[in-house]
């Protein structure tokens, strides 16, 4: 079924193999009559650890008006294969059309489209020698990294981001699999996809961000007393990227690190005040260490900046309301930030 034009060249496929290839990459059935003349090839590409391919076909039939390639991915196909990735399609030669949801686009040479494999889609090609370059980034990883859902449809790869992504895929080294640099290059690929297909207002597309932020706050409430606990541990515990965690806090006027310190300071102020009310004399340094601070000097400096007085002076006065309403240098208290969602 597979032939090569020359040694090291891309494998050539007969019609049946080419149709199977389309099914495996796009899902669904290829509704097309086998042409009288057909030649095609595919070159698999490992683009920074992501699946990609260069595909070309040449075909014809006795009836010059009857040829057409039609691929439809239905709800049934999605349920059967469970694919959860995007398909970035560069039109290298020829023309093709794509319809997904209520959006129809026509791809000419130099165009690029983004398809969501988790949604039904239709493809149509009426050109005799089309060629595509495709990339299959995982859907959840892209959304987690970008912090929003890319907007599918048509783009232009003659932009700076489009040219960079096209060149990166086309020139990928298929031999260097498992490179330590792949993880970093994948993030660059995701950024380029985001630059090409970012919605005009990403925040409304980030469905459930408030719910995720509340879960992140819960993770921080459980782990802030560990001095080794930081933004990286928050991202790992919640299963999202560090970049997305930071984005959620930036949207709320804070940072993840400051939010963790706010929790530590709120807890420390509560314990210091409780010691004063009970008349006990637990060293303030022990309270600082129990709240996640490694260095007492650092704790005292942050405490003074937060509450306007050193922890020793705070221990001798009733400042319950101050603890609840005091402002940190870069934002509100942990409690205020937690409930100020958008």
C-alpha atoms as a PDB file:
ATOM      1  CA  UNK A   1       0.000   0.000   0.000  1.00  0.00           C
ATOM      2  CA  UNK A   2       2.914   2.366   0.698  1.00  0.00           C
ATOM      3  CA  UNK A   3       5.482   3.391  -1.882  1.00  0.00           C
ATOM      4  CA  UNK A   4       8.222   5.989  -1.942  1.00  0.00           C
ATOM      5  CA  UNK A   5       9.259   8.358  -4.701  1.00  0.00           C
ATOM      6  CA  UNK A   6      12.876   8.044  -3.562  1.00  0.00           C
ATOM      7  CA  UNK A   7      14.939   6.970  -0.595  1.00  0.00           C
ATOM      8  CA  UNK A   8      14.110   9.142   2.393  1.00  0.00           C
ATOM      9  CA  UNK A   9      11.118  10.707   0.673  1.00  0.00           C
ATOM     10  CA  UNK A  10       7.589  10.733   2.042  1.00  0.00           C
ATOM     11  CA  UNK A  11       5.628   7.484   1.728  1.00  0.00           C
ATOM     12  CA  UNK A  12       3.156   7.421  -1.185  1.00  0.00           C
ATOM     13  CA  UNK A  13      -0.289   6.005  -0.580  1.00  0.00           C
ATOM     14  CA  UNK A  14      -2.942   4.488  -2.806  1.00  0.00           C
ATOM     15  CA  UNK A  15      -6.510   5.742  -2.526  1.00  0.00           C
ATOM     16  CA  UNK A  16      -7.571   3.305   0.193  1.00  0.00           C
ATOM     17  CA  UNK A  17      -4.547   4.108   2.362  1.00  0.00           C
ATOM     18  CA  UNK A  18      -5.078   7.817   1.871  1.00  0.00           C
ATOM     19  CA  UNK A  19      -8.744   7.502   2.834  1.00  0.00           C
ATOM     20  CA  UNK A  20      -7.781   5.524   5.953  1.00  0.00           C
ATOM     21  CA  UNK A  21      -5.312   8.269   6.809  1.00  0.00           C
ATOM     22  CA  UNK A  22      -8.030  10.906   6.611  1.00  0.00           C
ATOM     23  CA  UNK A  23     -10.293   8.813   8.800  1.00  0.00           C
ATOM     24  CA  UNK A  24      -7.610   8.360  11.442  1.00  0.00           C
ATOM     25  CA  UNK A  25      -6.742  12.063  11.472  1.00  0.00           C
ATOM     26  CA  UNK A  26     -10.156  13.618  11.041  1.00  0.00           C
ATOM     27  CA  UNK A  27     -12.672  10.974  12.111  1.00  0.00           C
ATOM     28  CA  UNK A  28     -15.830   9.991  10.291  1.00  0.00           C
ATOM     29  CA  UNK A  29     -16.290   8.586   6.807  1.00  0.00           C
ATOM     30  CA  UNK A  30     -14.772   9.927   3.616  1.00  0.00           C
ATOM     31  CA  UNK A  31     -17.671  10.164   1.212  1.00  0.00           C
ATOM     32  CA  UNK A  32     -15.943  10.080  -2.162  1.00  0.00           C
ATOM     33  CA  UNK A  33     -15.950   7.895  -5.248  1.00  0.00           C
ATOM     34  CA  UNK A  34     -12.557   6.370  -5.967  1.00  0.00           C
ATOM     35  CA  UNK A  35     -10.996   8.418  -8.787  1.00  0.00           C
ATOM     36  CA  UNK A  36      -9.472   6.960 -11.933  1.00  0.00           C
ATOM     37  CA  UNK A  37      -6.127   8.552 -11.171  1.00  0.00           C
ATOM     38  CA  UNK A  38      -4.784   9.025  -7.674  1.00  0.00           C
ATOM     39  CA  UNK A  39      -1.425   9.596  -6.007  1.00  0.00           C
ATOM     40  CA  UNK A  40      -0.803  10.802  -2.523  1.00  0.00           C
ATOM     41  CA  UNK A  41       1.777  10.950   0.226  1.00  0.00           C
ATOM     42  CA  UNK A  42       2.096  11.753   3.880  1.00  0.00           C
ATOM     43  CA  UNK A  43       5.146  12.721   5.924  1.00  0.00           C
ATOM     44  CA  UNK A  44       4.661  12.331   9.691  1.00  0.00           C
ATOM     45  CA  UNK A  45       6.353  15.059  11.710  1.00  0.00           C
ATOM     46  CA  UNK A  46       7.297  15.150  15.374  1.00  0.00           C
ATOM     47  CA  UNK A  47       6.841  18.833  16.114  1.00  0.00           C
ATOM     48  CA  UNK A  48       8.353  19.290  19.587  1.00  0.00           C
ATOM     49  CA  UNK A  49       6.732  16.088  20.770  1.00  0.00           C
ATOM     50  CA  UNK A  50       3.370  16.945  19.161  1.00  0.00           C
ATOM     51  CA  UNK A  51       1.835  14.995  16.278  1.00  0.00           C
ATOM     52  CA  UNK A  52       1.978  16.757  12.914  1.00  0.00           C
ATOM     53  CA  UNK A  53       1.946  15.764   9.250  1.00  0.00           C
ATOM     54  CA  UNK A  54       2.471  17.073   5.739  1.00  0.00           C
ATOM     55  CA  UNK A  55      -0.163  15.637   3.395  1.00  0.00           C
ATOM     56  CA  UNK A  56      -0.578  15.985  -0.382  1.00  0.00           C
ATOM     57  CA  UNK A  57      -2.870  14.350  -2.922  1.00  0.00           C
ATOM     58  CA  UNK A  58      -3.093  14.305  -6.719  1.00  0.00           C
ATOM     59  CA  UNK A  59      -6.204  12.840  -8.189  1.00  0.00           C
ATOM     60  CA  UNK A  60      -8.672  12.928 -11.075  1.00  0.00           C
ATOM     61  CA  UNK A  61     -11.554  11.053 -12.694  1.00  0.00           C
ATOM     62  CA  UNK A  62     -13.094  10.448 -16.070  1.00  0.00           C
ATOM     63  CA  UNK A  63     -15.835  12.935 -15.210  1.00  0.00           C
ATOM     64  CA  UNK A  64     -13.919  16.118 -14.518  1.00  0.00           C
ATOM     65  CA  UNK A  65     -16.865  17.650 -12.705  1.00  0.00           C
ATOM     66  CA  UNK A  66     -17.533  14.851 -10.247  1.00  0.00           C
ATOM     67  CA  UNK A  67     -14.483  14.734  -8.025  1.00  0.00           C
ATOM     68  CA  UNK A  68     -14.781  15.943  -4.455  1.00  0.00           C
ATOM     69  CA  UNK A  69     -13.359  14.995  -1.109  1.00  0.00           C
ATOM     70  CA  UNK A  70     -15.848  15.264   1.720  1.00  0.00           C
ATOM     71  CA  UNK A  71     -15.127  14.375   5.326  1.00  0.00           C
ATOM     72  CA  UNK A  72     -17.675  14.729   8.109  1.00  0.00           C
ATOM     73  CA  UNK A  73     -16.971  14.238  11.781  1.00  0.00           C
ATOM     74  CA  UNK A  74     -20.241  13.642  13.631  1.00  0.00           C
ATOM     75  CA  UNK A  75     -21.327  13.481  17.275  1.00  0.00           C
ATOM     76  CA  UNK A  76     -21.215   9.693  16.943  1.00  0.00           C
ATOM     77  CA  UNK A  77     -17.582   9.780  15.788  1.00  0.00           C
ATOM     78  CA  UNK A  78     -16.683  11.959  18.766  1.00  0.00           C
ATOM     79  CA  UNK A  79     -18.338   9.553  21.199  1.00  0.00           C
ATOM     80  CA  UNK A  80     -16.584   6.560  19.627  1.00  0.00           C
ATOM     81  CA  UNK A  81     -13.005   7.828  19.487  1.00  0.00           C
ATOM     82  CA  UNK A  82     -13.038  10.294  22.399  1.00  0.00           C
ATOM     83  CA  UNK A  83     -10.503  12.543  20.650  1.00  0.00           C
ATOM     84  CA  UNK A  84      -9.783  15.714  22.589  1.00  0.00           C
ATOM     85  CA  UNK A  85      -7.351  17.789  20.573  1.00  0.00           C
ATOM     86  CA  UNK A  86      -7.231  20.749  18.228  1.00  0.00           C
ATOM     87  CA  UNK A  87      -6.289  20.398  14.581  1.00  0.00           C
ATOM     88  CA  UNK A  88      -4.314  23.323  13.160  1.00  0.00           C
ATOM     89  CA  UNK A  89      -4.561  23.143   9.347  1.00  0.00           C
ATOM     90  CA  UNK A  90      -2.268  25.152   7.065  1.00  0.00           C
ATOM     91  CA  UNK A  91      -3.362  25.270   3.398  1.00  0.00           C
ATOM     92  CA  UNK A  92      -0.098  24.845   1.496  1.00  0.00           C
ATOM     93  CA  UNK A  93      -1.574  24.277  -1.999  1.00  0.00           C
ATOM     94  CA  UNK A  94      -5.059  24.240  -3.501  1.00  0.00           C
ATOM     95  CA  UNK A  95      -8.256  25.182  -1.736  1.00  0.00           C
ATOM     96  CA  UNK A  96     -10.574  23.597   0.799  1.00  0.00           C
ATOM     97  CA  UNK A  97     -13.582  24.522   2.925  1.00  0.00           C
ATOM     98  CA  UNK A  98     -14.445  23.804   6.531  1.00  0.00           C
ATOM     99  CA  UNK A  99     -17.652  24.137   8.537  1.00  0.00           C
ATOM    100  CA  UNK A 100     -17.838  23.817  12.324  1.00  0.00           C
ATOM    101  CA  UNK A 101     -20.775  24.820  14.519  1.00  0.00           C
ATOM    102  CA  UNK A 102     -22.193  27.816  12.616  1.00  0.00           C
ATOM    103  CA  UNK A 103     -18.917  28.996  11.105  1.00  0.00           C
ATOM    104  CA  UNK A 104     -17.897  28.250   7.510  1.00  0.00           C
ATOM    105  CA  UNK A 105     -14.465  29.230   6.175  1.00  0.00           C
ATOM    106  CA  UNK A 106     -12.751  28.919   2.810  1.00  0.00           C
ATOM    107  CA  UNK A 107      -9.033  28.116   2.956  1.00  0.00           C
ATOM    108  CA  UNK A 108      -6.795  29.413   0.210  1.00  0.00           C
ATOM    109  CA  UNK A 109      -3.029  29.092  -0.028  1.00  0.00           C
ATOM    110  CA  UNK A 110      -1.539  30.910   2.970  1.00  0.00           C
ATOM    111  CA  UNK A 111      -4.534  30.411   5.247  1.00  0.00           C
ATOM    112  CA  UNK A 112      -4.643  28.495   8.512  1.00  0.00           C
ATOM    113  CA  UNK A 113      -7.659  27.162  10.385  1.00  0.00           C
ATOM    114  CA  UNK A 114      -8.239  25.835  13.879  1.00  0.00           C
ATOM    115  CA  UNK A 115     -10.572  22.855  14.316  1.00  0.00           C
ATOM    116  CA  UNK A 116     -11.810  21.464  17.631  1.00  0.00           C
ATOM    117  CA  UNK A 117     -11.856  17.662  17.371  1.00  0.00           C
ATOM    118  CA  UNK A 118     -14.321  17.510  20.271  1.00  0.00           C
ATOM    119  CA  UNK A 119     -17.015  19.130  18.097  1.00  0.00           C
ATOM    120  CA  UNK A 120     -18.641  18.070  14.817  1.00  0.00           C
ATOM    121  CA  UNK A 121     -16.973  19.383  11.659  1.00  0.00           C
ATOM    122  CA  UNK A 122     -17.245  19.041   7.866  1.00  0.00           C
ATOM    123  CA  UNK A 123     -14.440  19.365   5.314  1.00  0.00           C
ATOM    124  CA  UNK A 124     -14.763  19.772   1.546  1.00  0.00           C
ATOM    125  CA  UNK A 125     -12.079  19.922  -1.138  1.00  0.00           C
ATOM    126  CA  UNK A 126     -12.679  20.399  -4.873  1.00  0.00           C
ATOM    127  CA  UNK A 127      -9.090  20.940  -5.935  1.00  0.00           C
ATOM    128  CA  UNK A 128      -7.039  18.272  -7.736  1.00  0.00           C
ATOM    129  CA  UNK A 129      -3.669  18.750  -6.014  1.00  0.00           C
ATOM    130  CA  UNK A 130      -4.231  20.101  -2.509  1.00  0.00           C
ATOM    131  CA  UNK A 131      -1.580  20.028   0.186  1.00  0.00           C
ATOM    132  CA  UNK A 132      -1.861  20.656   3.912  1.00  0.00           C
ATOM    133  CA  UNK A 133       0.400  20.929   6.920  1.00  0.00           C
ATOM    134  CA  UNK A 134      -1.379  19.848  10.105  1.00  0.00           C
ATOM    135  CA  UNK A 135      -0.670  19.924  13.838  1.00  0.00           C
ATOM    136  CA  UNK A 136      -2.567  18.154  16.645  1.00  0.00           C
ATOM    137  CA  UNK A 137      -2.013  19.933  19.998  1.00  0.00           C
ATOM    138  CA  UNK A 138      -3.949  18.490  22.983  1.00  0.00           C
ATOM    139  CA  UNK A 139      -7.025  20.588  23.669  1.00  0.00           C
ATOM    140  CA  UNK A 140      -6.882  20.624  27.480  1.00  0.00           C
ATOM    141  CA  UNK A 141      -3.169  21.420  27.568  1.00  0.00           C
ATOM    142  CA  UNK A 142      -3.630  24.371  25.197  1.00  0.00           C
ATOM    143  CA  UNK A 143      -6.501  25.810  27.235  1.00  0.00           C
ATOM    144  CA  UNK A 144      -4.704  25.257  30.525  1.00  0.00           C
ATOM    145  CA  UNK A 145      -1.574  27.014  29.271  1.00  0.00           C
ATOM    146  CA  UNK A 146      -3.329  29.947  27.609  1.00  0.00           C
ATOM    147  CA  UNK A 147      -6.031  30.430  30.232  1.00  0.00           C
ATOM    148  CA  UNK A 148      -8.720  30.749  27.565  1.00  0.00           C
ATOM    149  CA  UNK A 149     -10.315  28.711  24.807  1.00  0.00           C
ATOM    150  CA  UNK A 150      -8.907  29.577  21.356  1.00  0.00           C
ATOM    151  CA  UNK A 151     -11.486  30.752  18.856  1.00  0.00           C
ATOM    152  CA  UNK A 152     -11.721  28.257  15.999  1.00  0.00           C
ATOM    153  CA  UNK A 153     -12.040  29.250  12.380  1.00  0.00           C
ATOM    154  CA  UNK A 154      -9.871  31.055   9.881  1.00  0.00           C
ATOM    155  CA  UNK A 155      -6.572  32.800  10.425  1.00  0.00           C
ATOM    156  CA  UNK A 156      -3.708  34.002   8.245  1.00  0.00           C
ATOM    157  CA  UNK A 157      -0.276  32.458   8.431  1.00  0.00           C
ATOM    158  CA  UNK A 158       1.365  35.413   6.716  1.00  0.00           C
ATOM    159  CA  UNK A 159       1.321  37.112  10.113  1.00  0.00           C
ATOM    160  CA  UNK A 160       4.415  36.918  12.289  1.00  0.00           C
ATOM    161  CA  UNK A 161       2.852  34.311  14.608  1.00  0.00           C
ATOM    162  CA  UNK A 162       1.525  32.287  11.672  1.00  0.00           C
ATOM    163  CA  UNK A 163       4.876  32.207   9.881  1.00  0.00           C
ATOM    164  CA  UNK A 164       6.673  31.231  13.078  1.00  0.00           C
ATOM    165  CA  UNK A 165       4.290  28.339  13.764  1.00  0.00           C
ATOM    166  CA  UNK A 166       4.350  27.158  10.148  1.00  0.00           C
ATOM    167  CA  UNK A 167       8.156  27.198  10.001  1.00  0.00           C
ATOM    168  CA  UNK A 168       8.435  25.448  13.369  1.00  0.00           C
ATOM    169  CA  UNK A 169       6.209  22.561  12.232  1.00  0.00           C
ATOM    170  CA  UNK A 170       7.632  22.298   8.709  1.00  0.00           C
ATOM    171  CA  UNK A 171      11.245  22.295   9.840  1.00  0.00           C
ATOM    172  CA  UNK A 172      10.733  20.052  12.890  1.00  0.00           C
ATOM    173  CA  UNK A 173      13.401  17.397  13.375  1.00  0.00           C
ATOM    174  CA  UNK A 174      11.595  14.049  13.127  1.00  0.00           C
ATOM    175  CA  UNK A 175      14.612  12.228  14.567  1.00  0.00           C
ATOM    176  CA  UNK A 176      14.973  14.116  17.861  1.00  0.00           C
ATOM    177  CA  UNK A 177      12.232  12.491  19.887  1.00  0.00           C
ATOM    178  CA  UNK A 178      12.070  12.835  23.655  1.00  0.00           C
ATOM    179  CA  UNK A 179      14.293  15.908  23.776  1.00  0.00           C
ATOM    180  CA  UNK A 180      14.276  17.757  27.146  1.00  0.00           C
ATOM    181  CA  UNK A 181      13.642  20.947  25.177  1.00  0.00           C
ATOM    182  CA  UNK A 182      10.359  19.610  23.792  1.00  0.00           C
ATOM    183  CA  UNK A 183       8.375  20.586  26.884  1.00  0.00           C
ATOM    184  CA  UNK A 184       9.514  24.202  26.546  1.00  0.00           C
ATOM    185  CA  UNK A 185       8.982  24.280  22.785  1.00  0.00           C
ATOM    186  CA  UNK A 186       5.455  22.926  23.230  1.00  0.00           C
ATOM    187  CA  UNK A 187       4.650  25.959  25.362  1.00  0.00           C
ATOM    188  CA  UNK A 188       5.932  28.159  22.518  1.00  0.00           C
ATOM    189  CA  UNK A 189       3.639  26.287  20.110  1.00  0.00           C
ATOM    190  CA  UNK A 190       0.678  26.871  22.438  1.00  0.00           C
ATOM    191  CA  UNK A 191       1.531  30.574  22.647  1.00  0.00           C
ATOM    192  CA  UNK A 192       1.597  30.848  18.847  1.00  0.00           C
ATOM    193  CA  UNK A 193      -1.758  29.077  18.588  1.00  0.00           C
ATOM    194  CA  UNK A 194      -3.102  31.547  21.147  1.00  0.00           C
ATOM    195  CA  UNK A 195      -1.688  34.494  19.188  1.00  0.00           C
ATOM    196  CA  UNK A 196      -3.392  33.248  16.013  1.00  0.00           C
ATOM    197  CA  UNK A 197      -6.760  32.341  17.494  1.00  0.00           C
ATOM    198  CA  UNK A 198      -7.222  34.395  20.658  1.00  0.00           C
ATOM    199  CA  UNK A 199     -10.793  35.709  21.008  1.00  0.00           C
ATOM    200  CA  UNK A 200     -11.225  39.461  21.144  1.00  0.00           C
ATOM    201  CA  UNK A 201     -12.279  39.156  24.807  1.00  0.00           C
ATOM    202  CA  UNK A 202     -10.780  35.956  26.257  1.00  0.00           C
ATOM    203  CA  UNK A 203     -12.320  36.192  29.731  1.00  0.00           C
ATOM    204  CA  UNK A 204     -15.938  35.306  28.840  1.00  0.00           C
ATOM    205  CA  UNK A 205     -14.601  32.238  26.988  1.00  0.00           C
ATOM    206  CA  UNK A 206     -12.909  31.013  30.205  1.00  0.00           C
ATOM    207  CA  UNK A 207     -15.989  29.261  31.490  1.00  0.00           C
ATOM    208  CA  UNK A 208     -15.758  28.088  35.085  1.00  0.00           C
ATOM    209  CA  UNK A 209     -12.762  30.284  35.975  1.00  0.00           C
ATOM    210  CA  UNK A 210     -14.452  31.498  39.158  1.00  0.00           C
ATOM    211  CA  UNK A 211     -15.121  27.923  40.215  1.00  0.00           C
ATOM    212  CA  UNK A 212     -11.505  26.995  39.499  1.00  0.00           C
ATOM    213  CA  UNK A 213     -10.279  30.039  41.415  1.00  0.00           C
ATOM    214  CA  UNK A 214     -12.362  29.014  44.420  1.00  0.00           C
ATOM    215  CA  UNK A 215     -10.770  25.555  44.269  1.00  0.00           C
ATOM    216  CA  UNK A 216      -7.311  27.140  44.093  1.00  0.00           C
ATOM    217  CA  UNK A 217      -8.136  29.221  47.167  1.00  0.00           C
ATOM    218  CA  UNK A 218      -9.153  26.054  48.980  1.00  0.00           C
ATOM    219  CA  UNK A 219      -5.849  24.388  48.108  1.00  0.00           C
ATOM    220  CA  UNK A 220      -3.968  27.414  49.440  1.00  0.00           C
ATOM    221  CA  UNK A 221      -6.034  27.438  52.650  1.00  0.00           C
ATOM    222  CA  UNK A 222      -5.012  23.835  53.240  1.00  0.00           C
ATOM    223  CA  UNK A 223      -1.326  24.202  52.400  1.00  0.00           C
ATOM    224  CA  UNK A 224      -0.111  27.719  53.261  1.00  0.00           C
ATOM    225  CA  UNK A 225       1.422  26.713  56.616  1.00  0.00           C
ATOM    226  CA  UNK A 226       4.022  24.577  54.818  1.00  0.00           C
ATOM    227  CA  UNK A 227       7.063  26.819  54.243  1.00  0.00           C
ATOM    228  CA  UNK A 228       7.816  24.933  51.016  1.00  0.00           C
ATOM    229  CA  UNK A 229       4.337  25.642  49.651  1.00  0.00           C
ATOM    230  CA  UNK A 230       4.229  28.111  46.758  1.00  0.00           C
ATOM    231  CA  UNK A 231       2.608  28.860  43.374  1.00  0.00           C
ATOM    232  CA  UNK A 232       4.202  25.812  41.723  1.00  0.00           C
ATOM    233  CA  UNK A 233       2.630  23.529  44.339  1.00  0.00           C
ATOM    234  CA  UNK A 234      -0.728  25.256  43.827  1.00  0.00           C
ATOM    235  CA  UNK A 235      -0.562  24.581  40.084  1.00  0.00           C
ATOM    236  CA  UNK A 236       0.419  20.954  40.645  1.00  0.00           C
ATOM    237  CA  UNK A 237      -2.362  20.358  43.186  1.00  0.00           C
ATOM    238  CA  UNK A 238      -5.057  21.875  40.960  1.00  0.00           C
ATOM    239  CA  UNK A 239      -3.812  20.299  37.724  1.00  0.00           C
ATOM    240  CA  UNK A 240      -3.421  23.520  35.731  1.00  0.00           C
ATOM    241  CA  UNK A 241      -0.411  25.413  34.466  1.00  0.00           C
ATOM    242  CA  UNK A 242       1.485  27.856  36.667  1.00  0.00           C
ATOM    243  CA  UNK A 243       0.884  30.515  34.041  1.00  0.00           C
ATOM    244  CA  UNK A 244      -2.886  30.053  34.294  1.00  0.00           C
ATOM    245  CA  UNK A 245      -2.771  30.200  38.092  1.00  0.00           C
ATOM    246  CA  UNK A 246      -0.897  33.507  37.915  1.00  0.00           C
ATOM    247  CA  UNK A 247      -3.355  34.804  35.315  1.00  0.00           C
ATOM    248  CA  UNK A 248      -6.342  34.140  37.567  1.00  0.00           C
ATOM    249  CA  UNK A 249      -4.751  36.149  40.373  1.00  0.00           C
ATOM    250  CA  UNK A 250      -3.666  38.975  38.048  1.00  0.00           C
ATOM    251  CA  UNK A 251      -7.270  39.344  36.905  1.00  0.00           C
ATOM    252  CA  UNK A 252      -8.201  39.866  40.554  1.00  0.00           C
ATOM    253  CA  UNK A 253      -5.488  42.412  41.271  1.00  0.00           C
ATOM    254  CA  UNK A 254      -3.072  40.191  43.170  1.00  0.00           C
ATOM    255  CA  UNK A 255      -0.491  37.443  42.742  1.00  0.00           C
ATOM    256  CA  UNK A 256      -0.497  33.869  43.961  1.00  0.00           C
ATOM    257  CA  UNK A 257       2.530  34.488  46.184  1.00  0.00           C
ATOM    258  CA  UNK A 258       0.941  37.519  47.839  1.00  0.00           C
ATOM    259  CA  UNK A 259      -2.265  35.567  48.366  1.00  0.00           C
ATOM    260  CA  UNK A 260      -0.320  32.816  50.157  1.00  0.00           C
ATOM    261  CA  UNK A 261       1.455  35.395  52.320  1.00  0.00           C
ATOM    262  CA  UNK A 262      -1.900  37.036  53.091  1.00  0.00           C
ATOM    263  CA  UNK A 263      -3.165  33.725  54.418  1.00  0.00           C
ATOM    264  CA  UNK A 264      -0.038  33.328  56.560  1.00  0.00           C
ATOM    265  CA  UNK A 265      -0.295  36.848  57.932  1.00  0.00           C
ATOM    266  CA  UNK A 266      -4.017  36.553  58.633  1.00  0.00           C
ATOM    267  CA  UNK A 267      -3.400  33.337  60.536  1.00  0.00           C
ATOM    268  CA  UNK A 268      -0.420  34.756  62.414  1.00  0.00           C
ATOM    269  CA  UNK A 269      -2.361  37.880  63.436  1.00  0.00           C
ATOM    270  CA  UNK A 270      -5.224  35.703  64.681  1.00  0.00           C
ATOM    271  CA  UNK A 271      -2.877  33.552  66.791  1.00  0.00           C
ATOM    272  CA  UNK A 272      -1.011  36.574  68.172  1.00  0.00           C
ATOM    273  CA  UNK A 273      -4.286  38.216  69.169  1.00  0.00           C
ATOM    274  CA  UNK A 274      -5.555  34.969  70.720  1.00  0.00           C
ATOM    275  CA  UNK A 275      -2.402  34.706  72.810  1.00  0.00           C
ATOM    276  CA  UNK A 276      -3.022  38.234  74.072  1.00  0.00           C
ATOM    277  CA  UNK A 277      -6.639  37.469  74.979  1.00  0.00           C
ATOM    278  CA  UNK A 278      -5.749  34.212  76.760  1.00  0.00           C
ATOM    279  CA  UNK A 279      -2.789  35.762  78.542  1.00  0.00           C
ATOM    280  CA  UNK A 280      -0.429  33.047  77.326  1.00  0.00           C
ATOM    281  CA  UNK A 281       3.073  33.751  76.160  1.00  0.00           C
ATOM    282  CA  UNK A 282       3.901  31.581  73.155  1.00  0.00           C
ATOM    283  CA  UNK A 283       6.924  33.136  71.421  1.00  0.00           C
ATOM    284  CA  UNK A 284       5.862  35.107  68.365  1.00  0.00           C
ATOM    285  CA  UNK A 285       8.689  33.464  66.415  1.00  0.00           C
ATOM    286  CA  UNK A 286       7.049  30.071  66.961  1.00  0.00           C
ATOM    287  CA  UNK A 287       3.769  31.475  65.648  1.00  0.00           C
ATOM    288  CA  UNK A 288       5.565  32.785  62.577  1.00  0.00           C
ATOM    289  CA  UNK A 289       7.158  29.412  61.861  1.00  0.00           C
ATOM    290  CA  UNK A 290       3.838  27.613  62.410  1.00  0.00           C
ATOM    291  CA  UNK A 291       2.235  29.871  59.777  1.00  0.00           C
ATOM    292  CA  UNK A 292       4.793  29.066  57.091  1.00  0.00           C
ATOM    293  CA  UNK A 293       7.487  31.713  57.604  1.00  0.00           C
ATOM    294  CA  UNK A 294      11.091  30.495  57.675  1.00  0.00           C
ATOM    295  CA  UNK A 295      12.625  33.805  58.736  1.00  0.00           C
ATOM    296  CA  UNK A 296      11.334  35.842  61.687  1.00  0.00           C
ATOM    297  CA  UNK A 297      12.811  39.083  60.359  1.00  0.00           C
ATOM    298  CA  UNK A 298      10.984  38.574  57.078  1.00  0.00           C
ATOM    299  CA  UNK A 299       7.782  37.804  58.974  1.00  0.00           C
ATOM    300  CA  UNK A 300       8.088  40.894  61.173  1.00  0.00           C
ATOM    301  CA  UNK A 301       8.732  43.156  58.173  1.00  0.00           C
ATOM    302  CA  UNK A 302       5.713  41.823  56.297  1.00  0.00           C
ATOM    303  CA  UNK A 303       3.564  41.999  59.437  1.00  0.00           C
ATOM    304  CA  UNK A 304       4.438  45.661  60.027  1.00  0.00           C
ATOM    305  CA  UNK A 305       3.821  46.537  56.382  1.00  0.00           C
ATOM    306  CA  UNK A 306       0.474  44.747  56.481  1.00  0.00           C
ATOM    307  CA  UNK A 307      -0.939  45.886  59.843  1.00  0.00           C
ATOM    308  CA  UNK A 308       1.034  49.081  60.474  1.00  0.00           C
ATOM    309  CA  UNK A 309       2.754  47.835  63.642  1.00  0.00           C
ATOM    310  CA  UNK A 310       5.151  45.078  64.720  1.00  0.00           C
ATOM    311  CA  UNK A 311       3.700  41.763  65.888  1.00  0.00           C
ATOM    312  CA  UNK A 312       4.797  42.421  69.484  1.00  0.00           C
ATOM    313  CA  UNK A 313       2.756  45.623  69.673  1.00  0.00           C
ATOM    314  CA  UNK A 314      -0.170  43.900  67.970  1.00  0.00           C
ATOM    315  CA  UNK A 315      -0.179  41.216  70.656  1.00  0.00           C
ATOM    316  CA  UNK A 316      -1.055  43.733  73.335  1.00  0.00           C
ATOM    317  CA  UNK A 317      -4.055  45.334  71.636  1.00  0.00           C
ATOM    318  CA  UNK A 318      -7.397  44.259  70.190  1.00  0.00           C
ATOM    319  CA  UNK A 319      -7.227  44.684  66.460  1.00  0.00           C
ATOM    320  CA  UNK A 320      -9.682  42.050  65.244  1.00  0.00           C
ATOM    321  CA  UNK A 321     -11.334  44.461  62.847  1.00  0.00           C
ATOM    322  CA  UNK A 322      -7.944  45.623  61.588  1.00  0.00           C
ATOM    323  CA  UNK A 323      -6.993  42.025  60.754  1.00  0.00           C
ATOM    324  CA  UNK A 324     -10.144  41.630  58.676  1.00  0.00           C
ATOM    325  CA  UNK A 325      -9.878  44.918  56.808  1.00  0.00           C
ATOM    326  CA  UNK A 326      -6.149  45.674  56.572  1.00  0.00           C
ATOM    327  CA  UNK A 327      -4.722  46.038  53.121  1.00  0.00           C
ATOM    328  CA  UNK A 328      -1.577  44.289  51.932  1.00  0.00           C
ATOM    329  CA  UNK A 329       1.018  46.178  49.979  1.00  0.00           C
ATOM    330  CA  UNK A 330      -0.204  44.716  46.673  1.00  0.00           C
ATOM    331  CA  UNK A 331      -3.883  43.988  47.433  1.00  0.00           C
ATOM    332  CA  UNK A 332      -6.528  43.027  49.965  1.00  0.00           C
ATOM    333  CA  UNK A 333      -6.475  40.368  52.638  1.00  0.00           C
ATOM    334  CA  UNK A 334      -6.669  36.740  51.645  1.00  0.00           C
ATOM    335  CA  UNK A 335     -10.347  36.644  52.559  1.00  0.00           C
ATOM    336  CA  UNK A 336     -11.138  39.738  50.457  1.00  0.00           C
ATOM    337  CA  UNK A 337      -9.268  38.433  47.421  1.00  0.00           C
ATOM    338  CA  UNK A 338     -10.903  35.031  47.670  1.00  0.00           C
ATOM    339  CA  UNK A 339     -14.417  36.419  47.358  1.00  0.00           C
ATOM    340  CA  UNK A 340     -13.713  39.210  44.906  1.00  0.00           C
ATOM    341  CA  UNK A 341     -14.389  37.123  41.805  1.00  0.00           C
ATOM    342  CA  UNK A 342     -15.447  38.473  38.468  1.00  0.00           C
END
